[in-house]
Amino acid sequence: MSDSAGNRTALKNTGAAIAVFLACLALWYAVVQVRQIPKVILPTPFQVASAGWEQRQALLEGFIATGAGATLGLFSSVALGSLVAGLFSQSKLLRSAFYPYVIFFQTVPIVAIAPLLLTWSGYTFRTIVLVATIISIFPIVSNVTAGLISIEENLTDLFKLGGATRLQILTKLRIPSAVSHLVLGMRISAGLAVIGTIVGEFFVGKVAGWYAGIGALLTPWQNRSDTAAVIAAVFVSTLLGLAMLGMVNLCAYWFLRRWTAGGSFEKG
């Protein structure tokens, strides 16, 4: 596909997404007006925009604080998850023994263990990053492990015939083949990292009044029944999720394109 055709396709897709968004806003406004829904239950899009503008400084600070926590949580999950996946790829027994415990972190509701994390780690930014890491690590472990072990036996046999060591097979064959799987896992974990950060901020923000993340902002606004500001914060958190996904795509394009070109990353 030529660059011009690709640009036209991208513009067409963007235009379709914007059209759907505007249609949803129009439907939202119409429902509120026709049903005469009180502002405290569901404000109009204009009221949400007005509240967002009034709270723009707090929302900007929240975007930066939550973005920092989500970014560190994502990087931590990539580093730790890739290390765990590398170990899993070396032993089927190791995978069978420890993989269920990795799933445990994905199945246990984070709100159930967040109080324990606060007790162990304190009401600090470190705890927020820890929550984000726990929530976002499973897609990394799952996808990278799948990429590392999905190598054809003929290729591994060829490396062994050439006298390659286990470490050389891992670094020269398995890891390059797993890069596209890593990118897919990072795409999923990017959104989960934002969710985990906001969940952590809910708990930390209740005590640590100095913290200015989006999760910390939501509680006082909800207590004041400022629904418009709460919805504005939800939109900001959505924008943060999109920004995180864009960051992942840019990192994949700049640093990993050598291994992802023509693969699942380009097709995605």
Protein backbone atom coordinates (compact mmCIF):
# COMPACT_ATOMS: atom_id res chain seq x y z
CA MET A 1 0.00 0.00 0.00
CA SER A 2 1.37 3.43 -0.96
CA ASP A 3 1.87 6.21 1.59
CA SER A 4 -0.92 8.32 0.04
CA ALA A 5 -3.37 5.42 0.19
CA GLY A 6 -2.36 4.72 3.76
CA ASN A 7 -2.89 8.37 4.70
CA ARG A 8 -6.34 8.38 3.11
CA THR A 9 -7.26 5.25 5.02
CA ALA A 10 -6.03 6.77 8.30
CA LEU A 11 -7.99 9.98 7.67
CA LYS A 12 -11.10 7.97 6.82
CA ASN A 13 -10.83 5.93 10.00
CA THR A 14 -10.21 9.04 12.10
CA GLY A 15 -13.18 10.80 10.53
CA ALA A 16 -15.43 7.81 11.24
CA ALA A 17 -14.32 7.74 14.89
CA ILE A 18 -14.96 11.48 15.29
CA ALA A 19 -18.38 11.14 13.67
CA VAL A 20 -19.35 8.38 16.11
CA PHE A 21 -18.13 10.48 19.05
CA LEU A 22 -20.17 13.51 17.94
CA ALA A 23 -23.22 11.34 17.40
CA CYS A 24 -22.88 9.96 20.95
CA LEU A 25 -22.62 13.50 22.34
CA ALA A 26 -25.74 14.54 20.42
CA LEU A 27 -27.66 11.51 21.70
CA TRP A 28 -26.44 12.20 25.23
CA TYR A 29 -27.65 15.82 25.05
CA ALA A 30 -30.99 14.81 23.56
CA VAL A 31 -31.66 12.20 26.26
CA VAL A 32 -30.90 14.66 29.06
CA GLN A 33 -33.12 17.33 27.54
CA VAL A 34 -36.06 15.08 26.67
CA ARG A 35 -36.06 13.21 29.99
CA GLN A 36 -35.24 16.34 31.99
CA ILE A 37 -32.56 14.48 33.92
CA PRO A 38 -31.18 16.49 36.87
CA LYS A 39 -27.58 17.69 36.59
CA VAL A 40 -26.57 15.78 39.70
CA ILE A 41 -27.50 12.51 37.95
CA LEU A 42 -26.41 13.22 34.37
CA PRO A 43 -25.24 16.67 33.23
CA THR A 44 -25.21 17.70 29.58
CA PRO A 45 -21.99 17.58 27.55
CA PHE A 46 -21.80 21.38 27.78
CA GLN A 47 -22.01 21.26 31.58
CA VAL A 48 -19.26 18.63 31.66
CA ALA A 49 -17.10 20.77 29.39
CA SER A 50 -17.72 23.80 31.62
CA ALA A 51 -16.80 21.84 34.76
CA GLY A 52 -13.68 20.53 33.04
CA TRP A 53 -12.62 24.06 32.15
CA GLU A 54 -13.22 25.27 35.71
CA GLN A 55 -11.14 22.40 37.08
CA ARG A 56 -8.55 22.52 34.29
CA GLN A 57 -5.61 23.10 36.63
CA ALA A 58 -6.53 20.21 38.90
CA LEU A 59 -7.21 17.94 35.91
CA LEU A 60 -3.90 18.86 34.30
CA GLU A 61 -2.02 18.08 37.52
CA GLY A 62 -4.02 14.86 37.83
CA PHE A 63 -3.18 13.90 34.24
CA ILE A 64 0.53 14.40 34.92
CA ALA A 65 0.53 12.60 38.29
CA THR A 66 -1.54 9.64 37.08
CA GLY A 67 0.45 9.50 33.85
CA ALA A 68 3.69 9.26 35.81
CA GLY A 69 2.34 6.42 37.93
CA ALA A 70 0.92 4.56 34.94
CA THR A 71 4.15 4.94 32.94
CA LEU A 72 6.32 3.64 35.76
CA GLY A 73 3.85 0.82 36.40
CA LEU A 74 3.89 -0.15 32.73
CA PHE A 75 7.69 -0.09 32.51
CA SER A 76 7.93 -2.13 35.71
CA SER A 77 5.48 -4.71 34.41
CA VAL A 78 7.38 -4.95 31.10
CA ALA A 79 10.72 -5.46 32.85
CA LEU A 80 9.47 -7.91 35.47
CA GLY A 81 7.03 -9.68 33.16
CA SER A 82 9.64 -10.18 30.44
CA LEU A 83 12.07 -11.60 33.01
CA VAL A 84 9.45 -14.04 34.30
CA ALA A 85 8.51 -15.02 30.74
CA GLY A 86 12.17 -15.64 29.94
CA LEU A 87 12.43 -18.01 32.88
CA PHE A 88 9.18 -19.75 31.90
CA SER A 89 10.48 -20.33 28.39
CA GLN A 90 13.43 -22.33 29.71
CA SER A 91 11.48 -24.99 31.59
CA LYS A 92 8.09 -26.58 31.07
CA LEU A 93 8.15 -27.71 34.70
CA LEU A 94 8.78 -24.14 35.81
CA ARG A 95 5.80 -22.91 33.78
CA SER A 96 3.54 -25.59 35.20
CA ALA A 97 4.61 -24.83 38.76
CA PHE A 98 4.47 -21.03 38.77
CA TYR A 99 2.11 -19.94 35.97
CA PRO A 100 -1.01 -20.49 38.13
CA TYR A 101 0.38 -17.96 40.61
CA VAL A 102 0.82 -15.42 37.83
CA ILE A 103 -2.85 -15.92 36.97
CA PHE A 104 -3.61 -15.34 40.65
CA PHE A 105 -2.57 -11.70 40.32
CA GLN A 106 -5.01 -11.30 37.44
CA THR A 107 -7.99 -12.99 39.09
CA VAL A 108 -7.84 -11.53 42.61
CA PRO A 109 -9.64 -8.14 42.70
CA ILE A 110 -7.07 -5.45 43.31
CA VAL A 111 -9.41 -3.67 45.74
CA ALA A 112 -9.17 -6.76 47.97
CA ILE A 113 -5.39 -6.63 48.28
CA ALA A 114 -4.90 -2.86 48.03
CA PRO A 115 -5.35 -2.37 51.81
CA LEU A 116 -2.60 -4.93 52.39
CA LEU A 117 -0.31 -3.12 49.96
CA LEU A 118 -0.97 0.11 51.84
CA THR A 119 -0.04 -1.59 55.11
CA TRP A 120 3.16 -3.04 53.67
CA SER A 121 4.27 -0.17 51.45
CA GLY A 122 2.59 2.88 52.99
CA TYR A 123 0.53 5.73 51.59
CA THR A 124 3.16 6.63 49.02
CA PHE A 125 3.61 6.98 45.28
CA ARG A 126 5.49 3.68 45.40
CA THR A 127 2.30 1.88 46.41
CA ILE A 128 0.42 3.38 43.46
CA VAL A 129 3.10 2.15 41.05
CA LEU A 130 2.98 -1.27 42.72
CA VAL A 131 -0.79 -1.52 42.18
CA ALA A 132 -0.39 -0.49 38.53
CA THR A 133 2.35 -3.09 38.05
CA ILE A 134 0.29 -5.91 39.55
CA ILE A 135 -2.70 -5.13 37.35
CA SER A 136 -0.73 -4.73 34.13
CA ILE A 137 1.85 -7.52 34.41
CA PHE A 138 -0.27 -10.51 33.35
CA PRO A 139 -0.63 -9.59 29.64
CA ILE A 140 3.14 -9.14 29.44
CA VAL A 141 3.91 -12.51 31.00
CA SER A 142 1.24 -14.29 28.95
CA ASN A 143 2.11 -12.77 25.56
CA VAL A 144 5.89 -12.85 25.92
CA THR A 145 5.84 -16.43 27.17
CA ALA A 146 3.71 -17.44 24.17
CA GLY A 147 6.15 -15.70 21.84
CA LEU A 148 9.22 -17.29 23.41
CA ILE A 149 7.90 -20.86 23.27
CA SER A 150 6.17 -20.67 19.88
CA ILE A 151 9.38 -21.39 17.97
CA GLU A 152 9.41 -24.19 15.43
CA GLU A 153 11.41 -27.17 16.61
CA ASN A 154 13.27 -27.22 13.30
CA LEU A 155 14.78 -23.84 14.09
CA THR A 156 15.84 -24.80 17.59
CA ASP A 157 17.30 -28.04 16.28
CA LEU A 158 19.24 -26.08 13.67
CA PHE A 159 20.71 -23.84 16.37
CA LYS A 160 21.64 -26.86 18.47
CA LEU A 161 23.34 -28.50 15.49
CA GLY A 162 25.40 -25.34 15.12
CA GLY A 163 26.57 -25.67 18.72
CA ALA A 164 24.43 -22.82 20.11
CA THR A 165 24.06 -22.69 23.88
CA ARG A 166 20.74 -22.30 25.68
CA LEU A 167 21.51 -18.61 26.25
CA GLN A 168 22.35 -18.07 22.56
CA ILE A 169 19.11 -19.73 21.48
CA LEU A 170 17.23 -17.44 23.87
CA THR A 171 18.92 -14.21 22.76
CA LYS A 172 19.36 -14.93 19.05
CA LEU A 173 16.17 -16.85 18.29
CA ARG A 174 13.48 -16.73 20.97
CA ILE A 175 13.66 -13.08 22.02
CA PRO A 176 13.62 -11.60 18.48
CA SER A 177 10.64 -13.82 17.65
CA ALA A 178 8.79 -12.68 20.79
CA VAL A 179 9.13 -8.92 20.25
CA SER A 180 5.82 -8.63 18.36
CA HIS A 181 4.12 -10.52 21.20
CA LEU A 182 5.67 -8.09 23.66
CA VAL A 183 4.20 -5.15 21.76
CA LEU A 184 0.74 -6.73 21.82
CA GLY A 185 1.06 -7.30 25.56
CA MET A 186 2.18 -3.70 26.11
CA ARG A 187 -0.83 -2.42 24.19
CA ILE A 188 -3.14 -4.24 26.59
CA SER A 189 -1.12 -3.37 29.68
CA ALA A 190 -1.04 0.34 28.79
CA GLY A 191 -4.74 0.73 29.56
CA LEU A 192 -4.55 -1.58 32.57
CA ALA A 193 -1.70 0.49 34.02
CA VAL A 194 -3.92 3.59 33.95
CA ILE A 195 -6.73 1.68 35.67
CA GLY A 196 -4.35 0.32 38.30
CA THR A 197 -2.91 3.76 38.98
CA ILE A 198 -6.34 5.31 39.48
CA VAL A 199 -7.37 2.44 41.79
CA GLY A 200 -4.22 2.97 43.83
CA GLU A 201 -4.91 6.70 43.98
CA PHE A 202 -8.38 6.05 45.40
CA PHE A 203 -6.80 4.45 48.47
CA VAL A 204 -3.70 6.61 48.80
CA GLY A 205 -5.58 9.85 48.15
CA LYS A 206 -7.99 9.28 51.03
CA VAL A 207 -5.15 9.67 53.51
CA ALA A 208 -2.36 11.41 51.62
CA GLY A 209 -4.06 14.72 50.93
CA TRP A 210 -1.01 15.96 49.06
CA TYR A 211 -1.54 13.56 46.16
CA ALA A 212 -3.13 15.12 43.06
CA GLY A 213 -3.83 12.16 40.77
CA ILE A 214 -7.11 11.63 38.96
CA GLY A 215 -8.17 8.91 41.41
CA ALA A 216 -7.55 11.26 44.34
CA LEU A 217 -9.65 13.96 42.66
CA LEU A 218 -12.68 11.76 42.08
CA THR A 219 -13.48 11.08 45.74
CA PRO A 220 -14.03 14.69 46.93
CA TRP A 221 -15.93 15.58 43.75
CA GLN A 222 -18.17 12.57 44.20
CA ASN A 223 -18.74 13.46 47.85
CA ARG A 224 -19.88 16.93 46.72
CA SER A 225 -22.14 15.34 44.07
CA ASP A 226 -20.24 17.27 41.41
CA THR A 227 -21.16 14.78 38.68
CA ALA A 228 -20.02 17.05 35.85
CA ALA A 229 -16.49 17.25 37.27
CA VAL A 230 -16.42 13.48 37.83
CA ILE A 231 -17.37 12.83 34.20
CA ALA A 232 -14.76 15.37 33.07
CA ALA A 233 -12.17 13.42 35.06
CA VAL A 234 -13.33 10.21 33.37
CA PHE A 235 -12.75 11.81 29.97
CA VAL A 236 -9.29 12.93 31.05
CA SER A 237 -8.44 9.41 32.22
CA THR A 238 -9.62 8.12 28.84
CA LEU A 239 -7.33 10.57 27.08
CA LEU A 240 -4.50 9.37 29.30
CA GLY A 241 -5.19 5.78 28.27
CA LEU A 242 -5.05 6.78 24.61
CA ALA A 243 -1.82 8.69 25.25
CA MET A 244 -0.30 5.59 26.88
CA LEU A 245 -1.30 3.47 23.90
CA GLY A 246 0.22 6.05 21.56
CA MET A 247 3.43 5.98 23.58
CA VAL A 248 3.60 2.20 23.23
CA ASN A 249 3.06 2.39 19.47
CA LEU A 250 5.73 5.08 19.10
CA CYS A 251 8.24 3.08 21.16
CA ALA A 252 7.50 0.00 19.04
CA TYR A 253 7.96 2.02 15.85
CA TRP A 254 11.16 3.76 16.92
CA PHE A 255 12.98 1.02 18.81
CA LEU A 256 11.43 -2.31 17.83
CA ARG A 257 10.50 -1.86 14.18
CA ARG A 258 13.41 -4.06 13.11
CA TRP A 259 11.62 -7.06 14.67
CA THR A 260 7.97 -6.01 14.23
CA ALA A 261 7.98 -4.76 10.61
CA GLY A 262 5.61 -6.87 8.56
CA GLY A 263 4.40 -8.67 11.68
CA SER A 264 1.42 -8.33 13.92
CA PHE A 265 2.40 -4.83 14.98
CA GLU A 266 2.17 -3.45 11.46
CA LYS A 267 -1.08 -5.29 10.83
CA GLY A 268 -2.56 -3.96 14.05
